[in-house]
Amino acid sequence: MGAAPGLLTLTAAPAVGVARWATLAGRWRERIVAGDWPSGAAIPPETELAREAGVALGTARQALSALVSDGLLERVHGRGTFVTRGLAQASMLRFFRFGPADLPDTPGATPVPHSRILARRPVRASTEQARRLGLADGARVLRVRRMRLIDGRPVLLETLWLPLPLFEPLAVLAPTDWDDLLYPMYSRRCRVTIVRAADELSFGALDAAQARALGLEAQAPAVRVEREAFDLAGRCVELRTTLGDARAFRYRAEIR
């Protein structure tokens, strides 16, 4: 008798040189990416998954642990294992301090910024953007310019490039309907779950237009944060450039 619909059984031996748990992890990854196990949903118990796949419990646990390490699954003590909801936020404000000099350096001390969409329109990706996003030369992307504000004061100027048609729902979304936090909005409106982001910092000076938008003097020192954000399938699906006042820059590292 064959496996029941929707169940995953390892009927063939894994590829030569590939551990059985790694093969299983790859197939479960495909189910997550395909949406068989939706974002935020609990997956079946380990014993049930092992039985369905026809593998030892230890093999199933290794496969699940790999997916947890990759950020696709989350273990919640006392509740089970869930498909990640992705990054709720990966705030650029961890690089900056916008407030009184004596503001406590603790989580939640920095005010939550609000967003204002300045412009958004489809454009052709540059060769470099297409390469980083894994697109063909000349592919269309949605370019978004937005301002982050604290207490009505502009603090961060951002430009984003999002591949189309993946983010087509945002191309027609009114600027006033965009959320302050983008990643939960990506998930809800575009079914794109961001699980990882990489930021690279550099320093320079603001040009006249950038300085004017941020209420700073021309050639003011600036921090430039270049971000690549990745979805469940490991694809880069967001490029972002963030500019902020270098005099508000903060950096903290704990070395043990």
Protein backbone atom coordinates (compact mmCIF):
# COMPACT_ATOMS: atom_id res chain seq x y z
CA MET A 1 0.00 0.00 0.00
CA GLY A 2 1.39 3.44 -0.90
CA ALA A 3 1.81 6.36 1.48
CA ALA A 4 -1.30 8.39 2.28
CA PRO A 5 -1.67 11.66 0.34
CA GLY A 6 0.42 14.45 1.82
CA LEU A 7 2.73 12.11 3.74
CA LEU A 8 6.45 11.96 3.06
CA THR A 9 8.10 8.55 2.93
CA LEU A 10 11.75 7.93 2.08
CA THR A 11 11.27 4.99 -0.27
CA ALA A 12 14.61 5.48 -2.01
CA ALA A 13 18.07 5.55 -0.51
CA PRO A 14 19.61 9.01 -0.11
CA ALA A 15 22.13 10.16 -2.69
CA VAL A 16 25.62 8.82 -2.27
CA GLY A 17 27.51 10.85 0.32
CA VAL A 18 24.33 12.53 1.67
CA ALA A 19 23.19 11.60 5.16
CA ARG A 20 19.65 10.27 5.48
CA TRP A 21 18.68 13.11 7.84
CA ALA A 22 19.98 15.70 5.36
CA THR A 23 17.84 14.21 2.58
CA LEU A 24 14.83 14.29 4.88
CA ALA A 25 15.55 17.88 5.92
CA GLY A 26 15.71 18.89 2.26
CA ARG A 27 12.32 17.35 1.53
CA TRP A 28 10.71 18.95 4.57
CA ARG A 29 12.26 22.26 3.52
CA GLU A 30 10.47 21.88 0.18
CA ARG A 31 7.16 21.37 2.00
CA ILE A 32 7.70 24.54 4.05
CA VAL A 33 8.63 26.60 0.99
CA ALA A 34 5.63 25.22 -0.91
CA GLY A 35 3.33 26.22 1.94
CA ASP A 36 2.26 22.68 2.87
CA TRP A 37 3.27 23.69 6.38
CA PRO A 38 2.19 27.37 6.52
CA SER A 39 4.06 30.12 8.34
CA GLY A 40 3.25 30.01 12.06
CA ALA A 41 1.66 26.54 11.89
CA ALA A 42 2.61 23.71 14.25
CA ILE A 43 4.18 20.74 12.51
CA PRO A 44 3.25 17.15 13.48
CA PRO A 45 5.02 15.53 16.46
CA GLU A 46 8.48 14.05 15.87
CA THR A 47 7.22 10.49 16.35
CA GLU A 48 4.52 10.96 13.73
CA LEU A 49 6.96 12.53 11.26
CA ALA A 50 9.45 9.70 11.76
CA ARG A 51 6.74 7.09 11.22
CA GLU A 52 5.44 8.81 8.08
CA ALA A 53 8.95 9.07 6.63
CA GLY A 54 9.88 5.53 7.61
CA VAL A 55 12.99 6.60 9.52
CA ALA A 56 14.29 6.29 13.05
CA LEU A 57 13.24 8.95 15.54
CA GLY A 58 16.85 10.13 15.86
CA THR A 59 17.03 10.71 12.10
CA ALA A 60 13.86 12.80 12.15
CA ARG A 61 15.18 14.83 15.09
CA GLN A 62 18.43 15.57 13.25
CA ALA A 63 16.49 16.75 10.21
CA LEU A 64 14.28 19.00 12.32
CA SER A 65 17.28 20.39 14.20
CA ALA A 66 18.87 21.36 10.87
CA LEU A 67 15.73 23.26 9.89
CA VAL A 68 15.67 24.97 13.28
CA SER A 69 19.31 26.01 12.83
CA ASP A 70 18.46 27.38 9.36
CA GLY A 71 15.65 29.48 10.84
CA LEU A 72 12.77 27.70 9.09
CA LEU A 73 11.41 26.11 12.26
CA GLU A 74 11.10 27.34 15.84
CA ARG A 75 10.83 25.20 18.96
CA VAL A 76 8.54 26.54 21.68
CA HIS A 77 9.06 24.89 25.06
CA GLY A 78 5.99 23.00 26.18
CA ARG A 79 4.10 23.67 22.94
CA GLY A 80 5.95 22.02 20.06
CA THR A 81 7.71 22.99 16.84
CA PHE A 82 6.36 25.66 14.51
CA VAL A 83 7.13 26.99 11.05
CA THR A 84 8.76 30.36 11.60
CA ARG A 85 6.72 33.51 11.19
CA GLY A 86 9.94 35.15 10.04
CA LEU A 87 11.59 38.28 11.30
CA ALA A 88 8.97 40.48 12.93
CA GLN A 89 11.44 43.30 12.63
CA ALA A 90 15.16 43.73 12.19
CA SER A 91 15.35 47.31 13.30
CA MET A 92 17.92 49.64 11.82
CA LEU A 93 17.63 51.62 15.05
CA ARG A 94 20.00 49.21 16.76
CA PHE A 95 22.69 51.18 14.91
CA PHE A 96 21.49 54.60 16.06
CA ARG A 97 20.51 56.54 19.17
CA PHE A 98 17.86 59.17 18.59
CA GLY A 99 17.02 60.65 21.97
CA PRO A 100 18.54 62.29 25.03
CA ALA A 101 22.15 61.47 25.74
CA ASP A 102 21.15 59.85 29.01
CA LEU A 103 18.52 57.59 27.42
CA PRO A 104 18.96 54.12 29.01
CA ASP A 105 20.73 51.65 26.73
CA THR A 106 18.12 48.95 27.24
CA PRO A 107 15.63 47.17 24.96
CA GLY A 108 12.56 49.31 24.41
CA ALA A 109 14.30 52.53 25.42
CA THR A 110 14.45 53.83 21.84
CA PRO A 111 11.06 55.10 20.61
CA VAL A 112 9.32 53.05 17.94
CA PRO A 113 9.67 54.78 14.55
CA HIS A 114 6.80 55.42 12.18
CA SER A 115 7.06 55.21 8.41
CA ARG A 116 6.09 57.45 5.53
CA ILE A 117 6.17 56.13 1.97
CA LEU A 118 7.64 58.90 -0.18
CA ALA A 119 7.44 57.12 -3.54
CA ARG A 120 7.10 53.66 -5.05
CA ARG A 121 7.14 52.59 -8.68
CA PRO A 122 8.26 49.70 -10.89
CA VAL A 123 11.68 50.15 -12.50
CA ARG A 124 14.23 48.02 -14.31
CA ALA A 125 16.81 46.50 -11.99
CA SER A 126 20.42 47.44 -12.57
CA THR A 127 22.78 44.64 -13.54
CA GLU A 128 24.14 44.50 -9.98
CA GLN A 129 20.69 44.53 -8.40
CA ALA A 130 19.52 41.77 -10.73
CA ARG A 131 22.57 39.68 -9.83
CA ARG A 132 22.02 40.08 -6.09
CA LEU A 133 18.32 39.29 -6.39
CA GLY A 134 18.91 36.33 -8.70
CA LEU A 135 16.96 37.94 -11.55
CA ALA A 136 17.51 38.19 -15.28
CA ASP A 137 19.13 41.36 -16.59
CA GLY A 138 16.56 44.11 -16.96
CA ALA A 139 13.99 42.40 -14.73
CA ARG A 140 11.38 44.62 -13.09
CA VAL A 141 11.59 45.53 -9.43
CA LEU A 142 9.51 47.76 -7.19
CA ARG A 143 11.59 50.69 -5.98
CA VAL A 144 10.34 52.16 -2.71
CA ARG A 145 11.53 55.28 -0.94
CA ARG A 146 10.42 55.70 2.64
CA MET A 147 11.22 57.86 5.63
CA ARG A 148 11.41 56.59 9.21
CA LEU A 149 10.30 59.16 11.79
CA ILE A 150 10.40 59.43 15.57
CA ASP A 151 7.95 61.87 17.14
CA GLY A 152 7.40 63.32 13.66
CA ARG A 153 11.13 63.97 13.12
CA PRO A 154 12.82 62.31 10.10
CA VAL A 155 15.67 60.06 11.22
CA LEU A 156 16.29 57.43 8.53
CA LEU A 157 15.95 57.64 4.74
CA GLU A 158 15.51 54.30 2.97
CA THR A 159 15.38 52.98 -0.58
CA LEU A 160 14.22 49.41 -1.21
CA TRP A 161 14.19 47.20 -4.31
CA LEU A 162 11.68 44.32 -4.32
CA PRO A 163 11.39 41.80 -7.18
CA LEU A 164 8.25 41.76 -9.31
CA PRO A 165 5.81 40.10 -9.70
CA LEU A 166 6.53 38.64 -6.25
CA PHE A 167 5.71 41.96 -4.58
CA GLU A 168 3.05 43.07 -7.06
CA PRO A 169 0.42 43.59 -4.29
CA LEU A 170 2.59 46.38 -2.87
CA ALA A 171 2.90 48.08 -6.26
CA VAL A 172 -0.81 48.93 -6.14
CA LEU A 173 -1.08 49.48 -2.38
CA ALA A 174 -1.78 53.08 -1.39
CA PRO A 175 1.19 54.66 0.45
CA THR A 176 -1.03 55.41 3.44
CA ASP A 177 -1.86 51.69 3.78
CA TRP A 178 1.73 50.52 4.27
CA ASP A 179 2.63 49.24 7.74
CA ASP A 180 5.43 50.64 9.88
CA LEU A 181 6.96 47.12 10.03
CA LEU A 182 7.54 45.76 6.54
CA TYR A 183 8.31 42.09 7.14
CA PRO A 184 4.96 41.16 8.72
CA MET A 185 3.32 43.08 5.86
CA TYR A 186 5.32 41.11 3.27
CA SER A 187 4.05 37.89 4.85
CA ARG A 188 0.43 39.00 5.03
CA ARG A 189 0.08 40.69 1.63
CA CYS A 190 2.64 38.86 -0.53
CA ARG A 191 3.10 35.53 1.27
CA VAL A 192 6.83 36.24 1.54
CA THR A 193 8.43 35.26 4.85
CA ILE A 194 11.75 36.91 5.67
CA VAL A 195 13.87 34.60 7.83
CA ARG A 196 17.31 36.19 7.57
CA ALA A 197 18.90 39.54 6.82
CA ALA A 198 22.51 40.66 6.42
CA ASP A 199 23.57 44.27 6.98
CA GLU A 200 26.79 45.95 5.85
CA LEU A 201 27.75 49.38 7.21
CA SER A 202 29.85 52.11 5.66
CA PHE A 203 30.34 55.83 6.27
CA GLY A 204 30.16 58.82 3.96
CA ALA A 205 28.41 62.16 3.52
CA LEU A 206 24.85 63.08 2.59
CA ASP A 207 24.21 64.84 -0.69
CA ALA A 208 22.04 67.95 -0.72
CA ALA A 209 18.74 66.14 -1.39
CA GLN A 210 19.38 63.46 1.23
CA ALA A 211 20.39 66.03 3.83
CA ARG A 212 17.36 68.17 3.08
CA ALA A 213 15.03 65.17 3.51
CA LEU A 214 16.57 64.36 6.89
CA GLY A 215 16.67 67.98 8.03
CA LEU A 216 20.48 68.03 8.14
CA GLU A 217 23.12 70.20 6.56
CA ALA A 218 24.57 69.21 3.17
CA GLN A 219 27.61 66.94 3.42
CA ALA A 220 26.60 65.90 6.96
CA PRO A 221 28.35 62.67 7.99
CA ALA A 222 26.17 59.64 7.35
CA VAL A 223 26.00 55.94 8.10
CA ARG A 224 24.95 53.84 5.12
CA VAL A 225 23.45 50.41 5.85
CA GLU A 226 23.14 48.01 2.91
CA ARG A 227 20.78 45.10 3.59
CA GLU A 228 20.01 41.85 1.82
CA ALA A 229 16.96 39.96 3.17
CA PHE A 230 16.20 36.30 2.43
CA ASP A 231 13.04 34.22 2.31
CA LEU A 232 12.27 30.63 3.34
CA ALA A 233 13.80 29.28 0.14
CA GLY A 234 17.05 31.14 0.80
CA ARG A 235 16.42 33.64 -2.03
CA CYS A 236 17.43 37.26 -1.65
CA VAL A 237 14.10 39.08 -2.02
CA GLU A 238 14.87 42.55 -0.67
CA LEU A 239 17.68 45.02 -1.21
CA ARG A 240 17.63 48.04 1.07
CA THR A 241 19.81 51.10 1.55
CA THR A 242 19.34 53.08 4.77
CA LEU A 243 20.92 56.47 5.48
CA GLY A 244 21.15 58.04 8.92
CA ASP A 245 23.05 60.72 10.81
CA ALA A 246 26.50 59.35 11.66
CA ARG A 247 26.55 61.49 14.80
CA ALA A 248 23.74 59.32 16.13
CA PHE A 249 25.60 56.11 15.29
CA ARG A 250 25.93 53.52 18.02
CA TYR A 251 27.80 50.24 18.16
CA ARG A 252 27.92 47.71 20.93
CA ALA A 253 29.70 44.36 20.96
CA GLU A 254 30.16 41.98 23.84
CA ILE A 255 33.22 39.74 23.63
CA ARG A 256 33.70 36.85 26.02
